[in-house]
Amino acid sequence: MKSNTTMSKKSVSLVGLVLLCCHASLTEQRLQCIFKDPKEPIDERVKDLLGKMNLEEKVGQMTQIERKNASAEVLKSYFIGSVLSGGGSTPKVNATVKEWVDMVNGMQQASLSTRLGIPMIYGIDAVHGHNNVMNATIFPHNVGLGVTRDPQLLKEIGAATALEVRATGIPYAFAPCIAVCRDPRWGRCYESYSEDHRIVQQLTEIINGLQGEAKTDMKGMPYVNGKTKVAGSSKHYVGDGGTVKGINENNTIVDDSALYGMHMAAYVNSVAKGIATIMASYSSINGVKMHAHKQLLTDYLKGKLGFKGFIISDWEGIDRITSPAHSNYSYSIQASINAGIDMVMVPYNYTEFYDGLIDLVKKNAIPMSRIDDAVSRILRVKFAMGLFENPLGDYSLINEVGSQKHRELARQAVRKSLVLLKNGKPGNPPILPLPKNAGKIVVAGSHANNLGYQCGGWTIEWQGVSGNNWTAGTTILDGIKATVDKRTKVVYKKKPSDTYSSKGKMDYGIVVVGEVPYAETNGDSQNLTIPAPGPAVIENVCKETKCVVIIVSGRPVVIEPYVDKIDALVAAWLPGSEGQGVADVLFGDYGFTGKLARTWFKRVDQLPMNYGDPKYDPLFPFGFGLETKPIPSTKKPEL
């Protein structure tokens, strides 16, 4: 039998151990609750969490991987900070909204199960609505929205887009593109609002729709207001729209006046509005790759402008610092991170990036202070948007995708983005608006009944699609049929023969032709011609019939050879899913109001040619646009 003294000592030891454990537990809870407490200041939460992280966890936060790689094991083992869907990357073909939420939430659960439970942020290109998702509302591309010069409309479009993105469980959109496209030969010109930086600046109001409107100048702090808003990303920093000959990812040769007065201008507005992230451009400024441009990424954007969100690379953007791409990846990692890139859109070779960055830090090639700055910025955005408090997608929002309210907004945007370039031949009365009670109308051309073509690139697939079976919407042909009198005969001929118009009496011809979808480098063009058979369709329909030609394109194209043959000419740009908006204006329910936000050239040998240039001889100048009045008896109330 043991003595009472021994028993007493053991009891005291046990009590001491319990007290010590309780103290440790309480201390741990107190320490943990700083970064987990939404009442604490954001930067205090950042500091607290950063202090708890090891190097591997920090590097994981700086890593963004493609959805296809994002297994639960990878997310947990590498502490992945972000996942994205590339263009056309979906949970499955024709995935439902619920399946999107299921996928994102499943990934998030894996991230939340890590040691510190830091949520990953899922990003997607939502550049004209939630364009990767079947049956989402597809708004006109930016080239058309610039025509509207309507900041309030852009704010509403931003809010609608944010709601549809959030409805799929995604809290981060790679938008808006605030490029100032100075040469329409560039394959991304349709992602730019205008050649005039003032219009681009004006339309950064879309950020207030996407992220919510801050009541004061955010002075660089990220601002995302609630569960129906998303973190945005102004892109592509900087000068992407000014490359030589409009070649994608090329060199932009500029003096300080053009760089800071034109290409940089809208970033100043973005930072003031609290933009959460900024995406670096593939292009170079005066020979220096933007992904490795410390002076502009760190000294100017983070330093002078005071941007406190995070800078994200473009897709394999750091790889392209070298030529050929990925030829010295260790150098690319070192150059980009030291220059100021905070998160890298890897997106596939994540082990190479992760291991390479850790190795460079251990070799002191990248200082730990730079890693801490990058991770602090990433965490700041995640805290600012409430991701720690609400990491999972909300199934109650599912029905917001493609809602009728959003489609009506898109239809309004189509109406306001149309530009009337010609209305009647010399000496003849205007042809528009067309009468709804015409006897017979022929609608012709490859783009009249093709939803994919009228939406353009970045729709369902990265390069866009052709046909009407990919997503929901209304073609221009369907809009015409729904608008005219029920006694009016509408005949559709995709490619009428050269004798077609002489075979039967047509009151009017409506020709809808233009560019086929493209994205990025695939859209670079040195000729900017309308693809065949477009010119032949114009010729065949217009030679004996009063005709309206509607150009569906991502930029001005060569049209001068056909203008004299055409009675009326309309630039419809890339109107998106709501083709009814075109018919609304053609037949007088609403008037044409749009004014060119881009110069329409005569010949490609004039390019680049922008408003204010010494030799300015356009076919249609910047700001041009004829107007019509709505027919009072048919006009419908504005939204």
Foldseek 3Di string as FASTA:
>chain_A
DDDPVVVVVVVVVVVVVVVVVVVVVVVVVVLLVQLLPLVHDLLSNLVSVLVVDDPQLLLLLQEEAELVPQDLCCCQVRVHQEYEHEFLRDPDAQDALVSLQVSQQVSQVSNCPHPSRRGHAYEYAQEQAPFQHFAFFGFQALCLLLLLLDQVLLLQSLQLRLLQCLLSWHAEHADDELAQALFVLAQCLLSHNFVFSVSSLSNVSSQCNQANFDPFFPLQAAARPDSSHHQYEYDAPWNQNQAVNNFGLEEHEDDPCCGCVHTVVNVLSCRRRRRQEYEYGSHHYPPQGRLQALCVQPCPVCNVSVNLAAYEYPALSLQSNDVVGVPPVLVSLLRRLQSGHQHYPPYHPRVCNSVSVVVCCVVVSDDVVSSSSSSSNSSSSCSNNCCSVPVHRDNVSSQSGNDPVSLLSSLVSLLSSKFWDFAFAPPDDGCPLPALAFAEEEEEAQQQAWQQQLSAASHSGRQTDTHDPRHAFAGLNNLSCVRHDPNHHYHYDHADDLCVCVVDPHAEYEYEFEDGHGHGNVSNDLFQATDPPRVVRLNSRQQPYQYEYEYAASDAGADVVRVNSHGIYMYSYRSHRYSNSVNCDSNQLAKHDTFRSFFRANGSVVPSDAPPDPDHDGPAHGRDGDMDGGDVVRHDDRD
